[in-house]
Amino acid sequence: MNVIQRPLAKEFSATMKDYIIDSDTVITFSVKYNNKTILDEEYVPDADFKIHVRKLGKFCQQALWGEWCTGSSLLQASAAGIFEFYINDSLDISSYVLFCRMQTNKAAAPAAWLSEVNRKITRPDSKEYAGTVIVPGQTIQVTV
């Protein structure tokens, strides 16, 4: 068994990479989030001995959305979480996934601005909002 492609350590849910595994045997693939197993399935290789686990980003997005709207509260406590991916009950990678609907070619690892657009029209006296992911101790200087 050989993992050809896997999600990165930090991913946006909208652009998360699929798993591609080269294997000649059936594997067990599972996903844990908040110490709960949210997916546990067996996968059979295709004729090319490849296993494709597709749309993991959409799956993680649904898991984040479910956690996001717990109970009757509409406040959003977190838009990101750590997902652990297991192959045959062995941890393959932990990925910090950020809830995102925007298709972007930007990587989630650097401190990229979440509100990036290629072209933007602004009006005088209109408010501008920017969002980013900052690690503890990191500083960002914004000049307006």
N, C-alpha and C. Protein backbone atom coordinates (compact mmCIF):
# COMPACT_ATOMS: atom_id res chain seq x y z
N MET A 1 0.84 -1.18 0.00
CA MET A 1 0.00 0.00 0.00
C MET A 1 0.89 1.24 0.00
N ASN A 2 0.53 2.21 -0.83
CA ASN A 2 1.29 3.45 -0.95
C ASN A 2 0.32 4.60 -1.16
N VAL A 3 0.44 5.65 -0.34
CA VAL A 3 -0.43 6.82 -0.50
C VAL A 3 0.20 7.74 -1.54
N ILE A 4 -0.52 7.95 -2.64
CA ILE A 4 -0.04 8.79 -3.73
C ILE A 4 -0.37 10.26 -3.48
N GLN A 5 -1.57 10.51 -2.97
CA GLN A 5 -2.00 11.89 -2.70
C GLN A 5 -2.84 11.90 -1.44
N ARG A 6 -2.62 12.91 -0.60
CA ARG A 6 -3.37 13.06 0.65
C ARG A 6 -3.59 14.53 0.91
N PRO A 7 -4.52 14.87 1.81
CA PRO A 7 -4.69 16.28 2.19
C PRO A 7 -3.43 16.81 2.86
N LEU A 8 -3.25 18.12 2.79
CA LEU A 8 -2.11 18.77 3.43
C LEU A 8 -2.39 18.97 4.91
N ALA A 9 -1.40 19.46 5.65
CA ALA A 9 -1.56 19.70 7.08
C ALA A 9 -2.58 20.80 7.36
N LYS A 10 -2.71 21.78 6.44
CA LYS A 10 -3.74 22.82 6.53
C LYS A 10 -4.45 22.88 5.19
N GLU A 11 -5.78 22.84 5.22
CA GLU A 11 -6.57 22.83 3.99
C GLU A 11 -7.81 23.70 4.13
N PHE A 12 -8.23 24.29 3.01
CA PHE A 12 -9.56 24.88 2.92
C PHE A 12 -10.50 23.76 2.52
N SER A 13 -11.69 23.70 3.13
CA SER A 13 -12.60 22.60 2.82
C SER A 13 -13.03 22.58 1.36
N ALA A 14 -13.16 23.74 0.73
CA ALA A 14 -13.62 23.80 -0.66
C ALA A 14 -12.60 23.26 -1.65
N THR A 15 -11.34 23.30 -1.30
CA THR A 15 -10.30 22.87 -2.24
C THR A 15 -9.44 21.73 -1.69
N MET A 16 -9.98 21.00 -0.75
CA MET A 16 -9.23 19.91 -0.11
C MET A 16 -8.93 18.79 -1.11
N LYS A 17 -7.72 18.27 -1.05
CA LYS A 17 -7.29 17.20 -1.96
C LYS A 17 -7.96 15.88 -1.60
N ASP A 18 -8.22 15.07 -2.63
CA ASP A 18 -8.74 13.72 -2.43
C ASP A 18 -7.59 12.80 -2.03
N TYR A 19 -7.95 11.70 -1.38
CA TYR A 19 -6.97 10.65 -1.11
C TYR A 19 -6.87 9.77 -2.35
N ILE A 20 -5.66 9.45 -2.75
CA ILE A 20 -5.42 8.45 -3.79
C ILE A 20 -4.41 7.47 -3.21
N ILE A 21 -4.83 6.22 -3.11
CA ILE A 21 -4.02 5.19 -2.47
C ILE A 21 -3.78 4.07 -3.47
N ASP A 22 -2.53 3.66 -3.60
CA ASP A 22 -2.17 2.53 -4.46
C ASP A 22 -2.14 1.29 -3.58
N SER A 23 -3.05 0.35 -3.86
CA SER A 23 -3.15 -0.84 -3.03
C SER A 23 -3.73 -2.00 -3.83
N ASP A 24 -3.31 -3.20 -3.49
CA ASP A 24 -3.87 -4.38 -4.14
C ASP A 24 -4.82 -5.14 -3.22
N THR A 25 -5.08 -4.58 -2.03
CA THR A 25 -6.00 -5.21 -1.09
C THR A 25 -7.03 -4.20 -0.60
N VAL A 26 -8.09 -4.71 -0.02
CA VAL A 26 -9.13 -3.87 0.57
C VAL A 26 -8.54 -3.16 1.78
N ILE A 27 -8.86 -1.87 1.94
CA ILE A 27 -8.38 -1.11 3.10
C ILE A 27 -9.56 -0.58 3.89
N THR A 28 -9.30 -0.26 5.14
CA THR A 28 -10.28 0.42 5.98
C THR A 28 -9.83 1.87 6.10
N PHE A 29 -10.73 2.79 5.77
CA PHE A 29 -10.43 4.22 5.83
C PHE A 29 -11.38 4.84 6.84
N SER A 30 -10.84 5.61 7.78
CA SER A 30 -11.69 6.26 8.77
C SER A 30 -11.22 7.68 9.02
N VAL A 31 -12.17 8.49 9.48
CA VAL A 31 -11.92 9.90 9.79
C VAL A 31 -12.42 10.17 11.19
N LYS A 32 -11.59 10.85 11.99
CA LYS A 32 -11.98 11.25 13.34
C LYS A 32 -11.97 12.76 13.44
N TYR A 33 -12.98 13.27 14.14
CA TYR A 33 -13.09 14.71 14.40
C TYR A 33 -13.61 14.87 15.82
N ASN A 34 -12.92 15.66 16.63
CA ASN A 34 -13.26 15.84 18.05
C ASN A 34 -13.31 14.50 18.78
N ASN A 35 -12.34 13.64 18.51
CA ASN A 35 -12.23 12.32 19.13
C ASN A 35 -13.41 11.41 18.85
N LYS A 36 -14.18 11.69 17.81
CA LYS A 36 -15.29 10.83 17.41
C LYS A 36 -15.02 10.33 15.99
N THR A 37 -15.28 9.06 15.77
CA THR A 37 -15.16 8.51 14.42
C THR A 37 -16.39 8.91 13.64
N ILE A 38 -16.19 9.70 12.59
CA ILE A 38 -17.33 10.19 11.80
C ILE A 38 -17.42 9.48 10.45
N LEU A 39 -16.41 8.69 10.12
CA LEU A 39 -16.44 7.88 8.90
C LEU A 39 -15.59 6.65 9.13
N ASP A 40 -16.12 5.48 8.78
CA ASP A 40 -15.39 4.23 8.91
C ASP A 40 -15.90 3.29 7.83
N GLU A 41 -15.13 3.16 6.73
CA GLU A 41 -15.58 2.37 5.59
C GLU A 41 -14.44 1.56 5.00
N GLU A 42 -14.83 0.49 4.31
CA GLU A 42 -13.86 -0.30 3.57
C GLU A 42 -13.87 0.14 2.11
N TYR A 43 -12.70 0.19 1.51
CA TYR A 43 -12.56 0.59 0.11
C TYR A 43 -11.85 -0.52 -0.66
N VAL A 44 -12.35 -0.80 -1.86
CA VAL A 44 -11.79 -1.84 -2.72
C VAL A 44 -11.05 -1.15 -3.87
N PRO A 45 -9.85 -1.62 -4.21
CA PRO A 45 -9.11 -1.00 -5.32
C PRO A 45 -9.81 -1.22 -6.66
N ASP A 46 -9.60 -0.28 -7.59
CA ASP A 46 -10.17 -0.42 -8.94
C ASP A 46 -9.23 -1.28 -9.80
N ALA A 47 -9.48 -1.33 -11.10
CA ALA A 47 -8.68 -2.16 -12.00
C ALA A 47 -7.22 -1.71 -12.09
N ASP A 48 -6.96 -0.44 -11.77
CA ASP A 48 -5.59 0.09 -11.78
C ASP A 48 -4.92 0.00 -10.41
N PHE A 49 -5.54 -0.74 -9.49
CA PHE A 49 -5.06 -0.89 -8.12
C PHE A 49 -4.99 0.44 -7.38
N LYS A 50 -5.94 1.31 -7.66
CA LYS A 50 -6.03 2.63 -7.02
C LYS A 50 -7.32 2.71 -6.21
N ILE A 51 -7.24 3.39 -5.09
CA ILE A 51 -8.41 3.69 -4.27
C ILE A 51 -8.52 5.20 -4.21
N HIS A 52 -9.67 5.72 -4.61
CA HIS A 52 -9.92 7.16 -4.59
C HIS A 52 -10.97 7.46 -3.52
N VAL A 53 -10.60 8.27 -2.55
CA VAL A 53 -11.57 8.75 -1.56
C VAL A 53 -11.83 10.20 -1.92
N ARG A 54 -12.97 10.43 -2.54
CA ARG A 54 -13.28 11.73 -3.13
C ARG A 54 -14.14 12.59 -2.21
N LYS A 55 -14.09 13.89 -2.48
CA LYS A 55 -14.93 14.90 -1.82
C LYS A 55 -14.78 14.90 -0.30
N LEU A 56 -13.56 14.71 0.18
CA LEU A 56 -13.31 14.79 1.61
C LEU A 56 -13.56 16.20 2.14
N GLY A 57 -13.26 17.20 1.33
CA GLY A 57 -13.49 18.58 1.74
C GLY A 57 -14.96 18.84 2.01
N LYS A 58 -15.81 18.35 1.14
CA LYS A 58 -17.26 18.49 1.32
C LYS A 58 -17.70 17.76 2.59
N PHE A 59 -17.14 16.59 2.82
CA PHE A 59 -17.46 15.81 4.01
C PHE A 59 -17.03 16.57 5.28
N CYS A 60 -15.81 17.11 5.28
CA CYS A 60 -15.32 17.87 6.44
C CYS A 60 -16.13 19.15 6.63
N GLN A 61 -16.52 19.77 5.53
CA GLN A 61 -17.34 20.97 5.58
C GLN A 61 -18.67 20.68 6.27
N GLN A 62 -19.27 19.53 5.96
CA GLN A 62 -20.53 19.14 6.60
C GLN A 62 -20.32 18.88 8.09
N ALA A 63 -19.19 18.26 8.43
CA ALA A 63 -18.90 18.00 9.84
C ALA A 63 -18.69 19.30 10.61
N LEU A 64 -18.01 20.26 9.99
CA LEU A 64 -17.81 21.56 10.64
C LEU A 64 -19.12 22.31 10.77
N TRP A 65 -19.95 22.24 9.73
CA TRP A 65 -21.24 22.94 9.77
C TRP A 65 -22.11 22.37 10.88
N GLY A 66 -22.11 21.04 11.06
CA GLY A 66 -22.89 20.41 12.13
C GLY A 66 -22.42 20.86 13.50
N GLU A 67 -21.11 20.97 13.67
CA GLU A 67 -20.56 21.44 14.94
C GLU A 67 -20.81 22.93 15.12
N TRP A 68 -20.85 23.64 13.99
CA TRP A 68 -21.01 25.08 13.98
C TRP A 68 -22.34 25.53 14.55
N CYS A 69 -23.39 24.77 14.25
CA CYS A 69 -24.74 25.17 14.66
C CYS A 69 -25.31 24.24 15.72
N THR A 70 -24.53 23.90 16.70
CA THR A 70 -24.97 23.00 17.75
C THR A 70 -26.12 23.63 18.53
N GLY A 71 -27.16 22.82 18.79
CA GLY A 71 -28.30 23.30 19.56
C GLY A 71 -29.06 24.38 18.82
N SER A 72 -29.65 25.28 19.57
CA SER A 72 -30.44 26.35 18.95
C SER A 72 -29.64 27.64 18.80
N SER A 73 -28.38 27.63 19.20
CA SER A 73 -27.54 28.82 19.11
C SER A 73 -27.10 29.05 17.67
N LEU A 74 -27.19 30.28 17.20
CA LEU A 74 -26.74 30.60 15.85
C LEU A 74 -25.33 31.17 15.84
N LEU A 75 -24.73 31.32 17.03
CA LEU A 75 -23.36 31.83 17.09
C LEU A 75 -22.40 30.77 16.59
N GLN A 76 -21.40 31.18 15.85
CA GLN A 76 -20.44 30.25 15.28
C GLN A 76 -19.18 30.26 16.13
N ALA A 77 -18.97 29.19 16.88
CA ALA A 77 -17.83 29.13 17.78
C ALA A 77 -16.53 28.83 17.04
N SER A 78 -16.61 28.03 15.99
CA SER A 78 -15.40 27.66 15.27
C SER A 78 -15.73 27.34 13.82
N ALA A 79 -14.90 27.79 12.94
CA ALA A 79 -15.07 27.50 11.51
C ALA A 79 -13.95 26.60 11.02
N ALA A 80 -13.27 25.94 11.95
CA ALA A 80 -12.16 25.07 11.58
C ALA A 80 -12.01 23.97 12.62
N GLY A 81 -11.34 22.93 12.24
CA GLY A 81 -11.10 21.84 13.17
C GLY A 81 -10.03 20.90 12.65
N ILE A 82 -9.55 20.04 13.54
CA ILE A 82 -8.52 19.08 13.18
C ILE A 82 -9.19 17.74 12.88
N PHE A 83 -8.95 17.26 11.67
CA PHE A 83 -9.47 15.97 11.23
C PHE A 83 -8.30 15.00 11.13
N GLU A 84 -8.51 13.80 11.68
CA GLU A 84 -7.48 12.76 11.63
C GLU A 84 -7.92 11.69 10.64
N PHE A 85 -7.04 11.33 9.73
CA PHE A 85 -7.34 10.35 8.69
C PHE A 85 -6.55 9.08 8.96
N TYR A 86 -7.26 7.97 9.08
CA TYR A 86 -6.67 6.67 9.40
C TYR A 86 -6.82 5.71 8.23
N ILE A 87 -5.76 4.98 7.96
CA ILE A 87 -5.79 3.90 6.98
C ILE A 87 -5.43 2.62 7.72
N ASN A 88 -6.34 1.64 7.66
CA ASN A 88 -6.16 0.37 8.39
C ASN A 88 -5.84 0.61 9.86
N ASP A 89 -6.60 1.50 10.48
CA ASP A 89 -6.50 1.84 11.91
C ASP A 89 -5.16 2.46 12.30
N SER A 90 -4.42 2.96 11.34
CA SER A 90 -3.15 3.63 11.62
C SER A 90 -3.26 5.08 11.14
N LEU A 91 -2.90 6.04 12.00
CA LEU A 91 -3.00 7.45 11.65
C LEU A 91 -2.09 7.78 10.48
N ASP A 92 -2.69 8.32 9.41
CA ASP A 92 -1.90 8.71 8.24
C ASP A 92 -1.51 10.18 8.33
N ILE A 93 -2.50 11.06 8.60
CA ILE A 93 -2.23 12.49 8.71
C ILE A 93 -3.33 13.17 9.51
N SER A 94 -2.96 14.22 10.21
CA SER A 94 -3.92 15.12 10.85
C SER A 94 -3.92 16.40 10.03
N SER A 95 -5.11 16.87 9.71
CA SER A 95 -5.23 18.05 8.86
C SER A 95 -6.12 19.08 9.53
N TYR A 96 -5.63 20.32 9.61
CA TYR A 96 -6.41 21.44 10.13
C TYR A 96 -7.23 21.98 8.97
N VAL A 97 -8.55 21.78 9.01
CA VAL A 97 -9.43 22.13 7.90
C VAL A 97 -10.23 23.38 8.25
N LEU A 98 -10.18 24.36 7.36
CA LEU A 98 -10.93 25.60 7.54
C LEU A 98 -12.19 25.56 6.67
N PHE A 99 -13.33 25.87 7.28
CA PHE A 99 -14.59 25.92 6.53
C PHE A 99 -14.47 27.02 5.48
N CYS A 100 -14.71 26.67 4.24
CA CYS A 100 -14.56 27.62 3.14
C CYS A 100 -15.42 27.17 1.97
N ARG A 101 -16.18 28.09 1.40
CA ARG A 101 -16.96 27.78 0.21
C ARG A 101 -16.29 28.31 -1.06
N MET A 102 -15.31 29.17 -0.90
CA MET A 102 -14.66 29.81 -2.04
C MET A 102 -13.64 28.88 -2.70
N GLN A 103 -13.74 28.70 -4.00
CA GLN A 103 -12.73 27.95 -4.75
C GLN A 103 -11.55 28.88 -4.98
N THR A 104 -10.40 28.52 -4.45
CA THR A 104 -9.22 29.36 -4.56
C THR A 104 -8.01 28.51 -4.89
N ASN A 105 -7.03 29.12 -5.53
CA ASN A 105 -5.78 28.41 -5.77
C ASN A 105 -4.75 28.75 -4.71
N LYS A 106 -5.14 29.49 -3.69
CA LYS A 106 -4.24 29.82 -2.59
C LYS A 106 -4.15 28.64 -1.63
N ALA A 107 -2.97 28.42 -1.08
CA ALA A 107 -2.78 27.37 -0.08
C ALA A 107 -3.23 27.88 1.28
N ALA A 108 -3.71 26.99 2.11
CA ALA A 108 -4.18 27.38 3.43
C ALA A 108 -3.03 27.53 4.42
N ALA A 109 -1.86 26.96 4.13
CA ALA A 109 -0.75 26.98 5.07
C ALA A 109 -0.21 28.37 5.39
N PRO A 110 0.10 29.22 4.39
CA PRO A 110 0.56 30.56 4.76
C PRO A 110 -0.60 31.40 5.27
N ALA A 111 -0.28 32.47 5.95
CA ALA A 111 -1.35 33.34 6.48
C ALA A 111 -1.97 34.13 5.34
N ALA A 112 -2.76 33.46 4.53
CA ALA A 112 -3.42 34.11 3.39
C ALA A 112 -4.70 34.79 3.87
N TRP A 113 -5.05 35.87 3.23
CA TRP A 113 -6.30 36.55 3.57
C TRP A 113 -7.45 35.75 3.01
N LEU A 114 -8.44 35.46 3.85
CA LEU A 114 -9.57 34.64 3.44
C LEU A 114 -10.51 35.38 2.51
N SER A 115 -10.43 36.70 2.50
CA SER A 115 -11.35 37.49 1.68
C SER A 115 -10.71 37.98 0.38
N GLU A 116 -9.71 37.25 -0.11
CA GLU A 116 -9.01 37.67 -1.32
C GLU A 116 -9.90 37.57 -2.56
N VAL A 117 -9.81 38.56 -3.40
CA VAL A 117 -10.44 38.52 -4.72
C VAL A 117 -9.46 39.15 -5.70
N ASN A 118 -9.60 38.83 -6.98
CA ASN A 118 -8.68 39.38 -7.97
C ASN A 118 -8.97 40.85 -8.25
N ARG A 119 -10.23 41.18 -8.38
CA ARG A 119 -10.62 42.57 -8.65
C ARG A 119 -11.73 42.94 -7.71
N LYS A 120 -11.64 44.13 -7.17
CA LYS A 120 -12.61 44.55 -6.17
C LYS A 120 -12.92 46.02 -6.37
N ILE A 121 -14.18 46.36 -6.33
CA ILE A 121 -14.59 47.76 -6.42
C ILE A 121 -15.04 48.19 -5.04
N THR A 122 -14.47 49.28 -4.57
CA THR A 122 -14.87 49.80 -3.26
C THR A 122 -15.41 51.21 -3.43
N ARG A 123 -16.26 51.57 -2.53
CA ARG A 123 -16.86 52.90 -2.53
C ARG A 123 -16.36 53.68 -1.32
N PRO A 124 -16.26 55.01 -1.45
CA PRO A 124 -15.86 55.81 -0.28
C PRO A 124 -16.84 55.58 0.87
N ASP A 125 -16.33 55.54 2.05
CA ASP A 125 -17.10 55.36 3.28
C ASP A 125 -17.76 53.98 3.40
N SER A 126 -17.40 53.03 2.58
CA SER A 126 -17.95 51.68 2.74
C SER A 126 -16.98 50.86 3.58
N LYS A 127 -17.55 49.94 4.38
CA LYS A 127 -16.72 49.12 5.27
C LYS A 127 -16.07 48.00 4.48
N GLU A 128 -14.85 47.68 4.87
CA GLU A 128 -14.11 46.57 4.28
C GLU A 128 -13.82 45.56 5.39
N TYR A 129 -14.01 44.30 5.10
CA TYR A 129 -13.75 43.25 6.07
C TYR A 129 -12.68 42.32 5.53
N ALA A 130 -11.81 41.88 6.40
CA ALA A 130 -10.77 40.93 6.01
C ALA A 130 -10.68 39.86 7.09
N GLY A 131 -10.44 38.65 6.68
CA GLY A 131 -10.31 37.55 7.62
C GLY A 131 -9.05 36.76 7.31
N THR A 132 -8.40 36.27 8.33
CA THR A 132 -7.20 35.46 8.15
C THR A 132 -7.08 34.49 9.31
N VAL A 133 -6.19 33.56 9.19
CA VAL A 133 -5.89 32.61 10.26
C VAL A 133 -4.56 33.03 10.85
N ILE A 134 -4.53 33.27 12.14
CA ILE A 134 -3.32 33.73 12.82
C ILE A 134 -2.98 32.72 13.91
N VAL A 135 -1.73 32.32 13.97
CA VAL A 135 -1.29 31.42 15.03
C VAL A 135 -0.91 32.25 16.25
N PRO A 136 -0.96 31.67 17.45
CA PRO A 136 -0.60 32.43 18.66
C PRO A 136 0.80 33.03 18.55
N GLY A 137 0.91 34.31 18.88
CA GLY A 137 2.18 35.01 18.83
C GLY A 137 2.48 35.69 17.50
N GLN A 138 1.71 35.38 16.48
CA GLN A 138 1.92 35.99 15.16
C GLN A 138 1.28 37.37 15.13
N THR A 139 1.93 38.31 14.47
CA THR A 139 1.36 39.65 14.33
C THR A 139 1.24 39.99 12.85
N ILE A 140 0.22 40.77 12.55
CA ILE A 140 -0.01 41.23 11.18
C ILE A 140 -0.22 42.73 11.23
N GLN A 141 0.48 43.46 10.38
CA GLN A 141 0.33 44.90 10.32
C GLN A 141 -0.56 45.24 9.12
N VAL A 142 -1.61 45.99 9.38
CA VAL A 142 -2.54 46.39 8.32
C VAL A 142 -2.44 47.90 8.15
N THR A 143 -2.19 48.34 6.93
CA THR A 143 -2.13 49.76 6.63
C THR A 143 -3.33 50.11 5.77
N VAL A 144 -4.07 51.12 6.19
CA VAL A 144 -5.26 51.54 5.43
C VAL A 144 -5.01 52.90 4.82
